[in-house]
Each structure stands twice: as structure tokens, then as C-alpha cells.
Protein backbone atom coordinates (compact mmCIF):
# COMPACT_ATOMS: atom_id res chain seq x y z
CA MET A 1 88.21 -101.98 139.45
CA GLU A 2 90.30 -105.00 139.50
CA ASN A 3 91.38 -108.03 136.63
CA ASN A 4 88.56 -106.75 134.04
CA VAL A 5 89.39 -107.16 130.07
CA THR A 6 87.49 -105.42 127.64
CA PHE A 7 87.92 -105.56 123.64
CA ASN A 8 86.68 -103.22 120.81
CA THR A 9 84.45 -100.87 123.17
CA VAL A 10 83.61 -97.10 121.58
CA GLY A 11 84.35 -94.02 123.58
CA HIS A 12 86.80 -93.69 126.52
CA CYS A 13 86.91 -96.94 127.95
CA PHE A 14 88.27 -96.92 131.98
CA PHE A 15 86.43 -93.71 132.62
CA LEU A 16 86.74 -90.90 135.44
CA GLU A 17 83.46 -88.44 134.58
CA ASP A 18 83.45 -84.97 136.00
CA ALA A 19 86.67 -85.06 138.09
CA VAL A 20 85.21 -85.41 141.35
CA GLU A 21 86.38 -89.16 141.63
CA THR A 22 89.52 -89.68 144.23
CA GLY A 23 90.35 -92.70 146.07
CA ASN A 24 89.98 -95.33 143.32
CA GLN A 25 91.71 -97.89 142.29
CA PHE A 26 92.47 -99.24 139.07
CA VAL A 27 94.35 -102.43 139.27
CA HIS A 28 95.52 -105.23 136.94
CA ASN A 29 93.00 -104.30 133.71
CA LEU A 30 93.04 -104.74 130.34
CA GLY A 31 91.98 -102.69 127.66
CA ILE A 32 92.19 -103.60 124.15
CA MET A 33 91.49 -101.89 121.07
CA THR A 34 89.85 -98.73 122.20
CA LYS A 35 87.83 -96.87 119.15
CA CYS A 36 86.56 -93.75 118.63
CA HIS A 37 83.60 -95.11 116.55
CA PRO A 38 82.20 -98.58 115.48
CA THR A 39 82.78 -97.35 111.92
CA LEU A 40 83.76 -94.23 111.25
CA PRO A 41 87.58 -93.39 111.32
CA CYS A 42 88.25 -91.09 114.28
CA GLU A 43 88.87 -87.28 113.40
CA PRO A 44 91.05 -86.15 116.61
CA THR A 45 92.47 -82.91 117.96
CA ASN A 46 96.89 -83.94 118.56
CA LEU A 47 99.98 -82.20 117.65
CA THR A 48 100.36 -83.76 114.09
CA LEU A 49 99.68 -80.75 111.67
CA ALA A 50 96.68 -82.63 110.47
CA HIS A 51 95.12 -82.95 112.93
CA GLN A 52 95.07 -79.88 115.11
CA SER A 53 91.85 -78.83 114.61
CA THR A 54 89.25 -79.13 117.04
CA LYS A 55 86.91 -79.78 113.97
CA GLY A 56 86.59 -83.06 115.76
CA GLN A 57 85.23 -82.62 118.69
CA ALA A 58 82.33 -81.58 117.06
CA SER A 59 81.42 -83.92 115.51
CA GLU A 60 77.45 -85.20 115.40
CA HIS A 61 78.97 -89.23 115.33
CA ILE A 62 80.05 -88.97 119.27
CA LEU A 63 79.03 -88.49 122.41
CA ILE A 64 81.59 -85.90 124.12
CA PRO A 65 84.38 -83.72 122.42
CA SER A 66 86.85 -85.86 123.37
CA ASP A 67 85.14 -89.26 122.01
CA ASN A 68 87.21 -89.02 118.64
CA THR A 69 90.15 -88.90 120.60
CA VAL A 70 89.66 -91.76 122.55
CA SER A 71 91.46 -92.92 125.45
CA THR A 72 91.51 -96.52 127.03
CA PHE A 73 91.61 -95.24 130.57
CA TRP A 74 90.71 -91.48 130.88
CA ILE A 75 91.40 -89.50 134.51
CA THR A 76 90.24 -86.60 135.17
CA ASN A 77 91.83 -86.42 138.75
CA PRO A 78 94.92 -87.16 139.88
CA ASP A 79 94.11 -88.46 143.42
CA ASN A 80 93.48 -91.90 142.17
CA VAL A 81 95.41 -95.50 142.32
CA TYR A 82 96.27 -96.64 138.72
CA ARG A 83 98.34 -99.83 138.91
CA ASP A 84 99.45 -102.81 136.36
CA ASN A 85 96.69 -101.44 133.87
CA VAL A 86 97.52 -102.59 130.17
CA ALA A 87 96.62 -100.02 127.12
CA ALA A 88 96.35 -102.47 123.57
CA GLY A 89 95.89 -100.90 120.38
CA SER A 90 93.93 -97.73 121.29
CA ASP A 91 92.68 -95.79 118.07
CA GLN A 92 94.58 -93.24 119.64
CA ILE A 93 95.46 -92.69 123.46
CA GLY A 94 95.99 -95.57 125.52
CA PHE A 95 96.42 -93.70 129.23
CA TRP A 96 95.16 -89.72 128.59
CA MET A 97 95.41 -87.77 131.65
CA ALA A 98 93.01 -85.04 131.08
CA PHE A 99 92.60 -82.55 134.50
CA PRO A 100 90.32 -79.90 134.12
CA THR A 101 90.78 -76.86 136.06
CA HIS A 102 87.27 -77.98 138.06
CA PRO A 103 85.54 -80.09 137.75
CA THR A 104 82.89 -80.40 135.14
CA GLY A 105 79.19 -81.85 134.03
CA GLN A 106 77.24 -82.30 137.09
CA PHE A 107 79.37 -80.24 139.36
CA ALA A 108 80.05 -77.88 137.10
CA GLY A 109 79.31 -74.28 139.08
CA THR A 110 79.09 -76.27 142.43
CA GLU A 111 81.03 -75.25 145.80
CA ILE A 112 82.52 -78.95 145.55
CA SER A 113 83.89 -77.63 142.02
CA ALA A 114 84.93 -74.37 143.39
CA ASN A 115 86.90 -76.35 145.93
CA THR A 116 88.48 -78.94 144.06
CA TRP A 117 91.20 -78.53 141.79
CA PRO A 118 92.26 -81.38 139.77
CA GLY A 119 95.38 -79.50 137.87
CA ARG A 120 96.77 -79.00 141.59
CA THR A 121 96.78 -81.86 143.24
CA LYS A 122 98.84 -84.87 144.12
CA LEU A 123 98.96 -87.91 142.00
CA ARG A 124 98.32 -90.88 144.29
CA GLU A 125 100.02 -93.49 142.37
CA PHE A 126 100.48 -94.26 138.73
CA SER A 127 102.99 -97.26 138.48
CA GLY A 128 103.46 -100.82 136.10
CA ASN A 129 101.13 -99.54 133.41
CA VAL A 130 101.82 -100.47 130.23
CA ALA A 131 100.71 -98.93 126.58
CA HIS A 132 101.18 -100.50 123.35
CA SER A 133 100.26 -100.24 119.85
CA ASN A 134 98.53 -96.59 120.63
CA PHE A 135 99.07 -93.84 118.69
CA ASP A 136 99.98 -92.00 122.10
CA GLY A 137 100.60 -94.03 125.15
CA LEU A 138 100.48 -91.84 127.96
CA MET A 139 98.99 -88.42 127.41
CA LEU A 140 99.17 -85.86 130.38
CA ASP A 141 97.98 -82.64 128.80
CA ARG A 142 95.06 -81.06 126.88
CA GLY A 143 92.33 -81.02 129.97
CA PRO A 144 88.67 -80.38 128.90
CA GLY A 145 86.89 -77.06 129.33
CA PRO A 146 83.66 -76.90 130.76
CA ASP A 147 82.12 -77.71 127.84
CA GLY A 148 84.08 -81.07 127.41
CA LYS A 149 86.38 -79.25 124.73
CA PHE A 150 90.00 -79.16 124.73
CA GLY A 151 92.70 -77.84 122.59
CA ILE A 152 96.45 -79.44 121.74
CA ALA A 153 97.66 -77.80 124.80
CA GLY A 154 95.53 -77.25 127.92
CA PRO A 155 95.59 -77.10 131.75
CA ASN A 156 98.41 -79.71 132.89
CA LEU A 157 99.71 -81.03 136.64
CA THR A 158 101.21 -78.85 138.85
CA SER A 159 100.56 -80.00 142.70
CA TYR A 160 100.95 -78.51 145.38
CA ALA A 161 100.82 -79.42 149.12
CA ASN A 162 97.34 -78.00 149.49
CA PRO A 163 95.46 -78.05 145.87
CA ALA A 164 93.58 -74.88 146.79
CA ASP A 165 96.72 -72.57 147.89
CA THR A 166 99.86 -72.15 145.38
CA SER A 167 101.81 -70.64 148.08
CA SER A 168 101.80 -74.08 150.04
CA GLY A 169 104.63 -75.45 148.27
CA LEU A 170 104.79 -77.51 144.80
CA VAL A 171 104.96 -81.71 145.64
CA ALA A 172 106.62 -84.23 142.41
CA SER A 173 104.30 -86.11 140.31
CA VAL A 174 105.86 -89.53 140.08
CA PHE A 175 105.42 -92.29 137.10
CA ASP A 176 107.04 -95.37 138.24
CA ASN A 177 107.65 -98.46 135.70
CA PHE A 178 105.97 -97.42 133.00
CA THR A 179 106.13 -99.29 129.51
CA GLY A 180 105.34 -98.29 126.46
CA TYR A 181 106.13 -99.46 123.02
CA LYS A 182 104.74 -99.46 119.39
CA ASN A 183 103.27 -95.96 119.81
CA ARG A 184 102.98 -94.82 116.11
CA ASN A 185 103.48 -91.22 117.76
CA GLY A 186 104.76 -90.98 121.09
CA ALA A 187 105.20 -93.37 124.79
CA ILE A 188 105.09 -89.94 126.57
CA TRP A 189 103.95 -86.37 126.30
CA GLY A 190 103.44 -84.52 129.40
CA ARG A 191 103.03 -80.96 130.55
CA GLY A 192 103.18 -79.97 133.92
CA GLU A 193 106.27 -79.18 136.82
CA MET A 194 108.12 -81.71 139.23
CA HIS A 195 107.45 -84.61 137.25
CA LEU A 196 109.49 -87.58 138.02
CA TYR A 197 109.56 -90.37 136.13
CA THR A 198 111.59 -93.38 137.23
CA ASN A 199 112.27 -97.13 135.65
CA LEU A 200 110.64 -96.16 132.51
CA LYS A 201 111.11 -98.43 129.43
CA LEU A 202 110.22 -97.74 126.36
CA ALA A 203 110.58 -99.03 122.43
CA ASP A 204 109.70 -98.95 119.15
CA ASN A 205 107.46 -95.77 119.04
CA ALA A 206 108.25 -92.81 116.95
CA ILE A 207 108.89 -90.22 120.23
CA GLY A 208 110.15 -91.75 123.04
CA PHE A 209 109.54 -88.97 125.58
CA THR A 210 108.32 -85.36 125.44
CA HIS A 211 107.10 -83.13 128.06
CA ALA A 212 106.06 -79.26 127.89
CA SER A 213 106.35 -76.88 130.88
CA GLY A 214 103.28 -76.39 133.37
CA ILE A 215 104.44 -72.61 134.29
CA PRO A 216 108.02 -72.20 134.08
CA GLY A 217 110.31 -71.40 136.59
CA ILE A 218 108.37 -72.53 139.67
CA ALA A 219 110.03 -75.36 140.43
CA PRO A 220 113.56 -77.30 140.40
CA TYR A 221 112.59 -79.14 137.18
CA THR A 222 109.74 -79.51 134.83
CA SER A 223 110.42 -82.87 134.26
CA ARG A 224 113.25 -85.32 135.20
CA VAL A 225 113.90 -89.02 134.14
CA VAL A 226 116.29 -91.32 135.91
CA ASP A 227 117.10 -95.24 136.03
CA SER A 228 115.08 -95.60 132.12
CA LEU A 229 115.48 -97.90 129.33
CA PHE A 230 115.09 -96.40 125.89
CA VAL A 231 115.17 -98.82 122.83
CA GLY A 232 114.94 -97.76 118.99
CA GLU A 233 114.23 -100.74 117.41
CA SER A 234 113.78 -103.69 119.76
CA ASP A 235 114.05 -107.59 118.18
CA ASN A 236 110.24 -107.57 118.12
CA ILE A 237 109.47 -107.03 114.28
CA GLY A 238 106.03 -106.64 114.89
CA ASN A 239 103.88 -107.67 111.69
CA PRO A 240 105.09 -105.72 108.67
CA THR A 241 101.75 -105.43 106.51
CA THR A 242 102.43 -101.89 104.03
CA PRO A 243 104.81 -102.33 101.27
CA GLU A 244 107.58 -100.20 102.91
CA GLU A 245 107.25 -102.47 106.22
CA VAL A 246 107.51 -105.43 104.40
CA ALA A 247 110.77 -103.97 102.40
CA TYR A 248 112.11 -102.64 105.82
CA GLY A 249 111.62 -106.09 107.63
CA ARG A 250 109.85 -104.34 110.13
CA SER A 251 106.43 -102.73 111.45
CA LEU A 252 107.42 -99.00 111.22
CA PRO A 253 105.78 -96.68 114.11
CA ASN A 254 104.78 -94.06 111.53
CA ALA A 255 103.33 -94.26 108.19
CA SER A 256 106.08 -92.94 106.58
CA ALA A 257 109.47 -95.18 106.18
CA ASP A 258 111.33 -92.11 106.16
CA PHE A 259 109.81 -90.62 109.77
CA PRO A 260 113.22 -89.71 112.35
CA ILE A 261 112.81 -91.66 115.09
CA ARG A 262 113.95 -90.63 118.58
CA GLY A 263 114.16 -91.17 121.91
CA TYR A 264 114.18 -88.79 124.12
CA GLU A 265 112.98 -85.07 122.86
CA TYR A 266 113.50 -81.29 124.65
CA TYR A 267 111.38 -79.43 124.79
CA ASP A 268 109.82 -76.31 127.21
CA PHE A 269 112.38 -75.05 129.62
CA HIS A 270 114.35 -77.36 132.53
CA HIS A 271 114.40 -80.99 132.09
CA GLU A 272 117.07 -83.15 133.39
CA VAL A 273 117.82 -87.03 132.11
CA GLU A 274 119.93 -89.54 134.70
CA ASN A 275 121.12 -93.21 134.38
CA THR A 276 119.55 -93.53 131.65
CA LYS A 277 120.18 -96.27 128.77
CA PHE A 278 119.25 -96.15 124.77
CA VAL A 279 119.76 -98.80 122.38
CA ASN A 280 119.19 -99.43 118.98
CA TYR A 281 119.11 -95.46 117.58
CA VAL A 282 120.70 -96.02 114.45
CA SER A 283 120.33 -93.91 111.01
CA ASN A 284 120.00 -95.89 107.91
CA GLU A 285 118.97 -94.96 104.11
CA LEU A 286 115.73 -94.12 104.59
CA ARG A 287 115.48 -92.17 108.13
CA ASP A 288 117.16 -90.52 110.91
CA ALA A 289 117.49 -92.10 114.42
CA GLY A 290 118.79 -90.40 117.53
CA ALA A 291 118.97 -91.45 121.61
CA LEU A 292 118.67 -87.81 122.25
CA SER A 293 117.02 -84.83 120.14
CA TYR A 294 114.54 -81.81 120.32
CA LEU A 295 110.48 -81.46 119.72
CA LEU A 296 110.15 -81.13 115.95
CA PHE A 297 110.36 -77.87 115.17
CA THR A 298 109.07 -75.75 117.89
CA SER A 299 109.15 -72.03 118.30
CA PHE A 300 108.73 -72.42 121.73
CA GLY A 301 110.78 -72.92 125.50
CA MET A 302 114.38 -73.38 125.02
CA SER A 303 116.74 -73.77 128.32
CA THR A 304 120.26 -73.89 128.07
CA ASP A 305 119.70 -75.41 132.04
CA ASN A 306 118.85 -78.61 130.47
CA SER A 307 120.81 -81.29 131.29
CA VAL A 308 121.78 -85.02 131.48
CA LYS A 309 124.18 -87.42 133.37
CA GLY A 310 125.00 -90.70 133.54
CA LEU A 311 123.45 -91.98 129.88
CA THR A 312 125.28 -95.15 128.12
CA PHE A 313 124.85 -95.59 124.77
CA VAL A 314 124.23 -98.87 122.84
CA ASN A 315 124.36 -98.91 119.50
CA ALA A 316 123.14 -95.73 119.21
CA GLN A 317 124.13 -92.22 117.89
CA PRO A 318 123.72 -90.07 120.83
CA VAL A 319 121.89 -86.82 119.44
CA SER A 320 120.14 -85.95 116.07
CA PHE A 321 118.69 -82.63 115.11
CA PRO A 322 117.29 -83.51 111.88
CA PRO A 323 117.00 -80.92 109.05
CA ILE A 324 113.56 -78.43 109.20
CA GLN A 325 110.86 -80.18 107.12
CA ARG A 326 107.44 -78.67 107.55
CA ARG A 327 105.49 -82.64 107.33
CA TRP A 328 107.42 -83.46 110.59
CA ALA A 329 106.82 -81.04 112.83
CA SER A 330 104.34 -80.49 115.71
CA ASP A 331 104.07 -76.72 115.34
CA TYR A 332 105.60 -75.04 112.32
CA GLY A 333 106.13 -71.37 112.93
CA ARG A 334 110.02 -69.62 112.72
CA SER A 335 111.22 -72.59 114.79
CA ALA A 336 113.28 -70.31 117.38
CA ALA A 337 113.54 -72.77 119.91
CA TYR A 338 114.41 -75.46 117.67
CA LYS A 339 117.35 -73.38 115.94
CA SER A 340 118.98 -72.71 119.09
CA ALA A 341 118.47 -76.26 121.51
CA ALA A 342 121.23 -76.71 124.03
CA PHE A 343 121.78 -79.25 126.83
CA ARG A 344 124.58 -79.45 129.24
CA ASP A 345 126.47 -82.82 129.33
CA LEU A 346 127.19 -82.70 133.17
CA ASP A 347 129.55 -85.57 133.36
CA GLY A 348 130.48 -86.10 129.70
CA SER A 349 128.46 -89.35 129.24
CA VAL A 350 127.33 -87.87 125.70
CA SER A 351 130.69 -85.97 124.50
CA GLY A 352 133.15 -87.27 127.17
CA ILE A 353 134.10 -83.76 127.91
CA PRO A 354 132.23 -83.19 131.08
CA GLY A 355 130.20 -79.92 131.27
CA ALA A 356 130.55 -79.34 127.69
CA TYR A 357 127.06 -78.29 126.21
CA ILE A 358 125.66 -79.91 123.00
CA VAL A 359 123.82 -77.07 120.52
CA ILE A 360 122.59 -77.42 117.59
CA ASP A 361 125.18 -76.32 114.90
CA ASN A 362 123.20 -73.19 113.17
CA GLY A 363 126.31 -71.23 112.95
CA ILE A 364 126.43 -68.64 115.60
CA ALA A 365 126.32 -70.24 118.87
CA ALA A 366 129.13 -73.01 118.06
CA ASP A 367 132.23 -71.16 118.33
CA GLU A 368 135.31 -73.29 116.14
CA GLU A 369 137.93 -72.49 119.14
CA ALA A 370 135.76 -74.06 121.97
CA CYS A 371 133.49 -76.21 120.06
CA GLN A 372 134.20 -79.54 117.82
CA ILE A 373 131.35 -80.08 115.24
CA LYS A 374 129.38 -83.17 114.94
CA ALA A 375 128.08 -83.23 111.37
CA THR A 376 126.38 -86.44 111.98
CA TRP A 377 124.59 -84.96 114.83
CA ASN A 378 123.88 -81.65 112.83
CA ALA A 379 125.42 -80.54 116.13
CA ALA A 380 128.14 -79.05 118.36
CA ILE A 381 130.26 -80.24 121.15
CA CYS A 382 130.98 -76.65 122.91
CA ARG A 383 133.24 -75.77 125.93
CA GLY A 384 133.02 -72.63 128.24
CA ASP A 385 129.44 -70.91 129.52
CA ILE A 386 126.37 -71.03 127.26
CA GLY A 387 123.05 -69.15 127.96
CA ARG A 388 119.96 -67.31 125.96
CA PHE A 389 120.29 -63.79 124.30
CA SER A 390 117.26 -62.33 123.93
CA ILE A 391 116.37 -59.19 121.43
CA ALA A 392 112.99 -57.91 122.79
CA GLY A 393 110.22 -57.68 119.95
CA ASN A 394 107.33 -59.63 118.40
CA PHE A 395 108.32 -62.30 117.21
CA SER A 396 105.29 -64.56 117.65
CA GLY A 397 106.30 -68.34 117.21
CA PHE A 398 103.55 -69.57 114.92
CA GLU A 399 103.70 -66.85 111.99
CA THR A 400 105.82 -68.14 108.85
CA GLY A 401 105.98 -64.84 107.24
CA PRO A 402 108.60 -62.71 106.95
CA ILE A 403 109.58 -60.45 109.84
CA THR A 404 108.91 -56.50 109.21
CA ASP A 405 112.71 -55.22 109.61
CA PRO A 406 114.42 -57.80 110.04
CA ILE A 407 117.30 -58.85 112.52
CA ILE A 408 120.65 -60.82 111.28
CA LEU A 409 123.20 -61.60 113.25
CA GLN A 410 126.77 -62.10 112.06
CA ARG A 411 129.97 -64.35 113.65
CA HIS A 412 133.13 -65.24 111.81
CA GLY A 413 131.19 -64.43 108.21
CA LYS A 414 127.79 -66.33 109.15
CA ARG A 415 125.05 -64.88 108.84
CA PHE A 416 121.55 -66.08 110.86
CA GLU A 417 117.97 -64.56 111.11
CA TYR A 418 117.15 -63.76 114.56
CA VAL A 419 113.51 -64.59 114.76
CA GLY A 420 113.31 -65.17 119.01
CA GLU A 421 115.57 -65.93 121.83
CA THR A 422 118.73 -67.95 120.79
CA THR A 423 121.53 -69.46 122.17
CA ILE A 424 124.89 -67.99 122.58
CA GLY A 425 128.63 -68.49 123.85
CA SER A 426 130.61 -66.63 126.44
CA GLY A 427 133.03 -64.47 124.39
CA ALA A 428 130.80 -64.52 121.24
CA GLU A 429 131.24 -61.48 119.07
CA LEU A 430 128.36 -60.38 117.12
CA ARG A 431 127.34 -58.19 113.98
CA VAL A 432 123.85 -57.03 114.13
CA GLU A 433 122.32 -55.79 111.16
CA THR A 434 118.98 -54.26 111.33
CA SER A 435 116.98 -50.98 110.40
CA ARG A 436 114.84 -51.32 113.19
CA ASP A 437 115.98 -47.82 115.41
CA LYS A 438 115.72 -49.22 118.68
CA LEU A 439 116.79 -52.53 120.23
CA SER A 440 116.56 -53.80 124.01
CA LEU A 441 119.11 -56.58 124.65
CA SER A 442 119.48 -59.17 127.66
CA LEU A 443 121.28 -62.03 128.74
CA THR A 444 120.30 -65.06 130.78
CA GLU A 445 121.25 -68.84 131.99
CA MET A 446 124.90 -67.37 132.24
CA ASP A 447 127.33 -67.62 135.07
CA ASP A 448 128.64 -64.78 136.56
CA GLY A 449 131.16 -62.34 134.41
CA SER A 450 130.64 -64.23 131.33
CA SER A 451 130.42 -61.76 128.02
CA VAL A 452 128.97 -61.05 124.72
CA ILE A 453 130.37 -58.39 122.69
CA LEU A 454 128.23 -56.75 120.03
CA GLU A 455 128.62 -54.28 116.86
CA PHE A 456 125.81 -52.15 116.02
CA PRO A 457 126.31 -50.44 112.65
CA GLY A 458 124.12 -47.24 112.83
CA PHE A 459 123.74 -47.35 116.31
CA THR A 460 125.28 -44.46 118.22
CA VAL A 461 123.06 -43.97 121.89
CA ALA A 462 122.97 -46.65 124.51
CA THR A 463 120.56 -46.60 127.88
CA GLY A 464 122.25 -48.09 130.43
CA GLY A 465 125.97 -49.74 131.60
CA VAL A 466 129.00 -47.82 131.47
CA GLU A 467 130.87 -45.55 128.15
CA LYS A 468 134.12 -46.80 127.63
CA SER A 469 136.75 -44.23 125.36
CA SER A 470 137.90 -47.38 122.71
CA LEU A 471 137.31 -50.44 122.17
CA ALA A 472 140.14 -52.24 123.67
CA GLU A 473 138.88 -50.42 127.10
CA LEU A 474 135.13 -51.90 125.96
CA ARG A 475 136.93 -55.69 125.40
CA GLU A 476 138.45 -55.62 129.02
CA ALA A 477 135.07 -54.35 131.05
CA ARG A 478 134.01 -56.54 133.76
CA GLU A 479 131.03 -54.48 133.54
CA THR A 480 128.14 -54.20 131.28
CA SER A 481 129.11 -51.22 128.81
CA TRP A 482 129.64 -49.52 125.25
CA PHE A 483 131.45 -47.26 123.26
CA LYS A 484 130.74 -45.43 120.01
CA ASP A 485 132.72 -44.63 117.07
CA GLY A 486 131.11 -42.54 114.40
CA ASN A 487 128.27 -44.03 113.21
CA LYS A 488 128.58 -47.36 114.99
CA LEU A 489 128.16 -48.73 118.35
CA TRP A 490 129.89 -51.61 120.36
CA ALA A 491 128.47 -52.90 123.33
CA LYS A 492 129.43 -55.83 126.04
CA LEU A 493 127.06 -56.87 127.79
CA VAL A 494 128.58 -58.55 131.67
CA VAL A 495 126.32 -60.98 133.43
CA ASP A 496 125.85 -59.96 137.22
CA ASN A 497 122.81 -62.11 137.88
CA ALA A 498 122.99 -60.46 141.92
CA ALA A 499 122.30 -57.02 140.42
CA GLY A 500 117.78 -58.13 140.23
CA LEU A 501 117.40 -57.46 136.67
CA THR A 502 114.43 -58.28 135.13
CA VAL A 503 112.34 -57.76 131.81
CA SER A 504 109.36 -58.00 130.38
CA PRO A 505 108.24 -61.82 128.71
CA GLY A 506 106.54 -59.51 125.83
CA SER A 507 103.41 -60.36 123.69
CA ASN A 508 105.06 -63.46 122.39
CA ALA A 509 105.62 -65.04 125.79
CA PRO A 510 105.12 -68.34 126.08
CA PRO A 511 102.34 -70.09 127.93
CA GLY A 512 102.85 -69.71 131.81
CA PHE A 513 104.76 -66.82 131.55
CA ALA A 514 101.55 -64.53 131.37
CA ALA A 515 103.07 -61.02 132.52
CA ARG A 516 105.24 -61.55 135.21
CA ALA A 517 108.80 -60.11 134.90
CA LEU A 518 111.76 -62.50 133.78
CA PRO A 519 115.14 -62.49 135.58
CA VAL A 520 117.83 -61.91 133.70
CA GLY A 521 121.78 -61.44 133.87
CA ALA A 522 122.53 -57.90 131.81
CA THR A 523 120.47 -55.91 130.14
CA LEU A 524 121.45 -52.66 127.65
CA ASN A 525 119.11 -51.00 125.09
CA VAL A 526 120.35 -49.22 122.29
CA SER A 527 119.28 -46.59 119.47
CA LYS A 528 119.79 -44.53 116.16
CA GLU A 529 120.40 -40.95 116.38
CA GLY A 530 117.78 -38.73 118.45
CA LEU A 531 116.00 -41.19 119.66
CA GLY A 532 117.30 -41.65 123.40
CA GLY A 533 116.63 -45.59 124.36
């Protein structure tokens, strides 16, 4: 299908139907103003808090459930070619890669369907495509179920050499030379593993790039962006029409003039950005702006293995972690991941310090001696080793109410309520206060020998580790150890990645972890008198 133009169409426009279609080529096509309905507004399902419901998928005014989240290019199998196409002005999505687990429709329940795995199949080609003036430019998530309905997170693309055999080895999915501009939400939202994005050109979007994990930990990276360009505000002022836009002098990606624009958002475990330029991300009196940020204000999926190198900034604030406001949230729970956001600056191109970590300034992750506070970023630049500290328990991210028997971490007089796995630096000393009787502790994503010292008022028993006779001896310990002094316990967790330690992900494990044990560098159980551990 080549050199076609569509205009003002209703429902998905360039359309692969049941996900058995392979080997097709869509080349140099243009789709303009794709609509959910001829006269009615869309009832979409997306990540904005107002539209996370699936109600619109059951509307009597559409043919299939996804029509209310309409796309110009609806792609259900990756084994096809999409080259030099343009999706312009869709009510919702430009390019939607919606991969079901198995083909649906007329093929549901057939042998062909059972032997076809769209989400495990290699992406044949996606290059030179353009998405502008949509809600979302490129959506790679939310694959439909057998009934055609989908959630805000769903089947994704994690490709294998043999799609029927997950032991056959992963293969990279390459997205090359994609241009996304003036998209009202995001230019790119992805989900899956080993996704390589090269030569991106993203401009004038509310958010440039966000990527979720598919199966955390199985690949060298979840996503990697290289040799790309992000522009916060270009010379293209658009067509200002609303009072806010007229006053500002240019069209705005979001209806609210104070929406914080961001170039690249970290989210959901391990992501890398290399050899990429960020231009014109400048805060003003109305709104914040930043080249690098984190999905607002998520509770799920943080990794200190996130990294950058070879970045350049032109008239751009390198980092921005905006204050938490519910109206900007994608998920609004306890925000554990956002409150502990971090990434590593491998070559110093962000911070000027090779190997430094950029961490959100949450009061306990940063150390005044090892860190430089950057107030305009709401972040700190920290030397030394930084990883993740976890206390087992039910800290469900989607909940917003108070936690039963809260856990308070205290450092240098600052108090921080533990709401899920958090970021910590080697050498940190924390006081842990709680009415809970037992705690299971662990460290991960840290170098061998890195350590944290913890004080537990009211705790007297430790299971695991080596008992020491004094606090001074504990401080010198080179293995996980503990010291009891009356009605108080001190513990030093020391990382040994070769020890083969694991922990259960627990009931609040993020999608993709399922029930598999997770590797950690140090563990210890502590409890109050007479309760064991």
C-alpha cells in the first residue's frame, strides 16, 4: 500500500485486522484527521486520570472497542513494513502497535492463532514515519484481548528469535528515524524489552518519550534511545487559538498552560539515553520544563541502572522533577518510584561528574557530604554507589490512603515515610521507626562491599548476618552484621552479589515480575523480642 492519502475518516484508518497479517508494506501514505466518530467526541482509554476507564469501549456508537481510542495506523502484527508514512491530526493515536497475545477475530481459537505470537515476533521495519498533531504519536502498548477490549497496560513487544520459544534468545526491535511533533500527550509511549530507538526527532510535544517494561530483568535494557534530537519549543509556533495560547504566543501541547513539559521520561526499570541533544526546555512563570524527568507521579518500576551518556543541552534545563500534583499524574497512588527517582550520568554530560547519580531530592537519598543539591531540578548530584533499599510488605502502589503501621525512615533529622522500594546511597545511616513486629530488609543494584547502617528502636532480634559486640565493631564489618544494645538493634547490610541471595517480589510486585524470585545483594530479617525473624 503506497502513496495513498486519507482525510476525515472514522475508525482506524490503515488497518491490520486479526494479527495474522504478515509481509505487508505500508509505504509513503498520509492519513489526516482520523476520527473516533463523525459527530461525537471520543471516549478514549488512555493514561490521563480522566480517561483510564474502559467505559468508552462498550459504547453503542462504535464498531469495535478500540474505535473510541482511534488510530491512523492500527498495527496488530510486527512482521510488516511501515516506511515513510505520516499520521496527522488523529483524534487519539497516530501509530498504534496493538499486539494481542494470539490473533483474534475470525482466527480466534484456530491452530493458526495458537501458533502465532505477535508480541514475540520480530519487528520487520518501522522507519522514517512521522506523527504530528495527535494525542499520542506512537503507541506501543495496550494490545487487545480476544474480545477486542484493552486496558491501559497490556500485551507488548518482546521479540524472540523463535516466537514460539522464549528460550530461543531475544532480538532487538529497531525504530529508526521517527519524527513526532505537536502531540498533545506523548510523541512515543512504548512497552516491551530491547527496544532500540535511533535518530528520533521529537518537538513541541507535552512529553517526548516514555517507555514501560515488558518482562523486567530479562534483557540488557528495556529501551535505548541513541543519536536523537528532542526540542521543547521549536520555531513553529503553531496556530494559537485558546486565550492561554494567544497570551503565550504559540500553541500549547496541553490545554493547561502550566502543564510541565518534558523531553525524556524514565519509567519502569532499565532505560538508556546516548548521544542525544535536548533543545529549548526552559521553565517560565507558568510552567516547569526539563529535558530529563520521570513519569509523573508513578509508583511502579525504578532502577538505579538507568543511565545517560553523550548528552548535549542547548537552552535547556537538564533535569526536572516537578512537585507532585494529582492533576498531572498518570497513576496517582503512593508515588514510591517517583519519590525515589534516579539515573546515572556515566560520562558527566549532565552533571559534570562522570559516574555521578542524579537523584530526586527526597530528604534521604542525598547526602550533604557526597551530593550537590540542585534546587531548580528538585534533585541532587551524588557521588558514590547508589542502589535500592527494600522492606518487604504490602505497599500497593495504586492505594492512596494511609498505610497501616507505617514505616518512617529518618536521616539527618529529615523524616521520610516508606511507601515502597526506595533509593539509597552506600554509607547511609538511617533510623527506622515502626510499630510493626517484623521487617525483612534487602539491598539491590549496588556494588560488592557497598553498605547501609540501620538503627531499629524496639527491635532486638536479627535472623541472618553475624552478631557483633559493639557498634564500633559493626561499623567496621565487611559482611552483613548486627549489634544489639538493650531495646535497640543496629544492622549493617553489606552487598555480596555473588552470594546468590533472592527475595520474593511480594503481593505488590510490578507487572512482569510474576512470582519469580528476585536477586538481591544483601538481606536481613529483624524483629522485636520473642518473635523470632
